[in-house]
Amino acid sequence: IGRLSSLQAMGLYHNFLQGTLPSEIFRLSSLTYMSLARNWLNGSIPTEFGRLSSLQHMYLDRNNLAGTLPTEIRDMSSLERVYLYGNRLNGSIPTEIGD
């Protein structure tokens, strides 16, 4: 999937995908829409999400993601919508977001 450098939208919601988020996703520099909601993804939200500076809509809700929200999300300058509900996230929202 990391070779799809022109990919702008990825909708893989409501499947039975499981495991951690693949690192190849973070090579998709043209991605503006990503929905991996309603799967069985686990692990943490990787700091590499900050590389997706074109991403506008990120849906990771209703999975089994855990841990804290990485501060690198502040580098996602195009981000308009983030849905993370229905996971096992903890901690606070990083103050760097929105600076």
C-alpha atoms as a PDB file:
ATOM      1  CA  ILE A   1       0.000   0.000   0.000  1.00  0.00           C
ATOM      2  CA  GLY A   2       2.943   2.352   0.606  1.00  0.00           C
ATOM      3  CA  ARG A   3       3.666   2.508  -3.136  1.00  0.00           C
ATOM      4  CA  LEU A   4       0.331   4.177  -3.904  1.00  0.00           C
ATOM      5  CA  SER A   5       1.838   7.655  -3.675  1.00  0.00           C
ATOM      6  CA  SER A   6      -1.101   9.316  -5.500  1.00  0.00           C
ATOM      7  CA  LEU A   7      -3.800   7.723  -3.329  1.00  0.00           C
ATOM      8  CA  GLN A   8      -6.054  10.429  -1.913  1.00  0.00           C
ATOM      9  CA  ALA A   9      -8.840   8.466  -0.218  1.00  0.00           C
ATOM     10  CA  MET A  10      -8.792   5.177   1.663  1.00  0.00           C
ATOM     11  CA  GLY A  11     -12.026   3.778   3.064  1.00  0.00           C
ATOM     12  CA  LEU A  12     -11.554   0.450   4.812  1.00  0.00           C
ATOM     13  CA  TYR A  13     -14.182   0.918   7.497  1.00  0.00           C
ATOM     14  CA  HIS A  14     -16.439  -1.773   8.930  1.00  0.00           C
ATOM     15  CA  ASN A  15     -14.307  -4.755   7.999  1.00  0.00           C
ATOM     16  CA  PHE A  16     -12.542  -7.273  10.169  1.00  0.00           C
ATOM     17  CA  LEU A  17      -9.067  -5.778   9.875  1.00  0.00           C
ATOM     18  CA  GLN A  18      -6.986  -6.608  12.905  1.00  0.00           C
ATOM     19  CA  GLY A  19      -3.536  -5.943  14.258  1.00  0.00           C
ATOM     20  CA  THR A  20      -1.623  -2.693  14.428  1.00  0.00           C
ATOM     21  CA  LEU A  21      -1.674   0.141  11.913  1.00  0.00           C
ATOM     22  CA  PRO A  22       0.779  -0.750   9.121  1.00  0.00           C
ATOM     23  CA  SER A  23       3.750   1.603   8.808  1.00  0.00           C
ATOM     24  CA  GLU A  24       3.275   1.754   5.016  1.00  0.00           C
ATOM     25  CA  ILE A  25       0.254   4.014   5.537  1.00  0.00           C
ATOM     26  CA  PHE A  26       2.590   6.814   6.564  1.00  0.00           C
ATOM     27  CA  ARG A  27       4.152   6.900   3.073  1.00  0.00           C
ATOM     28  CA  LEU A  28       0.843   8.002   1.519  1.00  0.00           C
ATOM     29  CA  SER A  29       1.710  11.694   1.293  1.00  0.00           C
ATOM     30  CA  SER A  30      -1.298  12.577  -0.936  1.00  0.00           C
ATOM     31  CA  LEU A  31      -3.882  11.010   1.385  1.00  0.00           C
ATOM     32  CA  THR A  32      -6.661  13.431   2.347  1.00  0.00           C
ATOM     33  CA  TYR A  33      -9.297  10.969   3.639  1.00  0.00           C
ATOM     34  CA  MET A  34      -8.695   7.861   5.729  1.00  0.00           C
ATOM     35  CA  SER A  35     -11.310   5.724   7.400  1.00  0.00           C
ATOM     36  CA  LEU A  36     -10.274   2.625   9.292  1.00  0.00           C
ATOM     37  CA  ALA A  37     -13.226   2.860  11.659  1.00  0.00           C
ATOM     38  CA  ARG A  38     -15.135  -0.133  12.998  1.00  0.00           C
ATOM     39  CA  ASN A  39     -12.358  -2.683  12.696  1.00  0.00           C
ATOM     40  CA  TRP A  40     -10.366  -4.629  15.246  1.00  0.00           C
ATOM     41  CA  LEU A  41      -7.175  -2.564  15.128  1.00  0.00           C
ATOM     42  CA  ASN A  42      -5.097  -2.496  18.295  1.00  0.00           C
ATOM     43  CA  GLY A  43      -1.885  -0.994  19.591  1.00  0.00           C
ATOM     44  CA  SER A  44      -1.199   2.699  19.878  1.00  0.00           C
ATOM     45  CA  ILE A  45      -1.615   5.592  17.463  1.00  0.00           C
ATOM     46  CA  PRO A  46       1.871   5.900  15.968  1.00  0.00           C
ATOM     47  CA  THR A  47       3.805   9.158  16.059  1.00  0.00           C
ATOM     48  CA  GLU A  48       4.311   8.770  12.297  1.00  0.00           C
ATOM     49  CA  PHE A  49       0.803  10.137  11.744  1.00  0.00           C
ATOM     50  CA  GLY A  50       2.470  13.548  11.804  1.00  0.00           C
ATOM     51  CA  ARG A  51       3.907  12.758   8.351  1.00  0.00           C
ATOM     52  CA  LEU A  52       0.423  12.835   6.796  1.00  0.00           C
ATOM     53  CA  SER A  53       0.306  16.606   6.390  1.00  0.00           C
ATOM     54  CA  SER A  54      -2.318  16.429   3.586  1.00  0.00           C
ATOM     55  CA  LEU A  55      -4.783  14.359   5.631  1.00  0.00           C
ATOM     56  CA  GLN A  56      -8.040  16.254   6.225  1.00  0.00           C
ATOM     57  CA  HIS A  57     -10.346  13.528   7.568  1.00  0.00           C
ATOM     58  CA  MET A  58      -9.140  10.764   9.896  1.00  0.00           C
ATOM     59  CA  TYR A  59     -11.592   8.172  11.194  1.00  0.00           C
ATOM     60  CA  LEU A  60     -10.145   5.610  13.598  1.00  0.00           C
ATOM     61  CA  ASP A  61     -13.213   5.283  15.790  1.00  0.00           C
ATOM     62  CA  ARG A  62     -14.559   2.018  17.204  1.00  0.00           C
ATOM     63  CA  ASN A  63     -11.366  -0.002  17.221  1.00  0.00           C
ATOM     64  CA  ASN A  64      -9.248  -1.202  20.102  1.00  0.00           C
ATOM     65  CA  LEU A  65      -6.510   1.440  19.984  1.00  0.00           C
ATOM     66  CA  ALA A  66      -4.885   2.268  23.314  1.00  0.00           C
ATOM     67  CA  GLY A  67      -2.423   4.702  24.818  1.00  0.00           C
ATOM     68  CA  THR A  68      -2.172   8.444  24.407  1.00  0.00           C
ATOM     69  CA  LEU A  69      -2.705  10.781  21.496  1.00  0.00           C
ATOM     70  CA  PRO A  70       0.758  11.572  20.060  1.00  0.00           C
ATOM     71  CA  THR A  71       1.827  15.217  20.007  1.00  0.00           C
ATOM     72  CA  GLU A  72       2.999  14.745  16.392  1.00  0.00           C
ATOM     73  CA  ILE A  73      -0.626  15.153  15.338  1.00  0.00           C
ATOM     74  CA  ARG A  74       0.142  18.884  15.552  1.00  0.00           C
ATOM     75  CA  ASP A  75       2.106  18.453  12.291  1.00  0.00           C
ATOM     76  CA  MET A  76      -1.043  17.407  10.429  1.00  0.00           C
ATOM     77  CA  SER A  77      -1.703  20.963   9.286  1.00  0.00           C
ATOM     78  CA  SER A  78      -4.619  20.088   6.946  1.00  0.00           C
ATOM     79  CA  LEU A  79      -6.575  18.068   9.503  1.00  0.00           C
ATOM     80  CA  GLU A  80     -10.236  19.107   9.774  1.00  0.00           C
ATOM     81  CA  ARG A  81     -11.958  16.060  11.314  1.00  0.00           C
ATOM     82  CA  VAL A  82     -10.685  13.440  13.742  1.00  0.00           C
ATOM     83  CA  TYR A  83     -12.904  10.674  15.091  1.00  0.00           C
ATOM     84  CA  LEU A  84     -11.305   8.523  17.776  1.00  0.00           C
ATOM     85  CA  TYR A  85     -14.229   7.540  19.994  1.00  0.00           C
ATOM     86  CA  GLY A  86     -14.820   3.945  20.992  1.00  0.00           C
ATOM     87  CA  ASN A  87     -11.158   3.132  21.648  1.00  0.00           C
ATOM     88  CA  ARG A  88      -9.149   2.712  24.855  1.00  0.00           C
ATOM     89  CA  LEU A  89      -7.219   5.970  24.651  1.00  0.00           C
ATOM     90  CA  ASN A  90      -6.154   7.709  27.842  1.00  0.00           C
ATOM     91  CA  GLY A  91      -4.356  10.818  28.967  1.00  0.00           C
ATOM     92  CA  SER A  92      -5.084  14.325  27.804  1.00  0.00           C
ATOM     93  CA  ILE A  93      -5.292  16.056  24.440  1.00  0.00           C
ATOM     94  CA  PRO A  94      -1.820  17.443  23.687  1.00  0.00           C
ATOM     95  CA  THR A  95      -1.692  21.205  24.143  1.00  0.00           C
ATOM     96  CA  GLU A  96       0.465  21.497  20.988  1.00  0.00           C
ATOM     97  CA  ILE A  97      -2.543  20.681  18.796  1.00  0.00           C
ATOM     98  CA  GLY A  98      -3.840  23.816  17.180  1.00  0.00           C
ATOM     99  CA  ASP A  99      -0.677  25.894  17.639  1.00  0.00           C
END
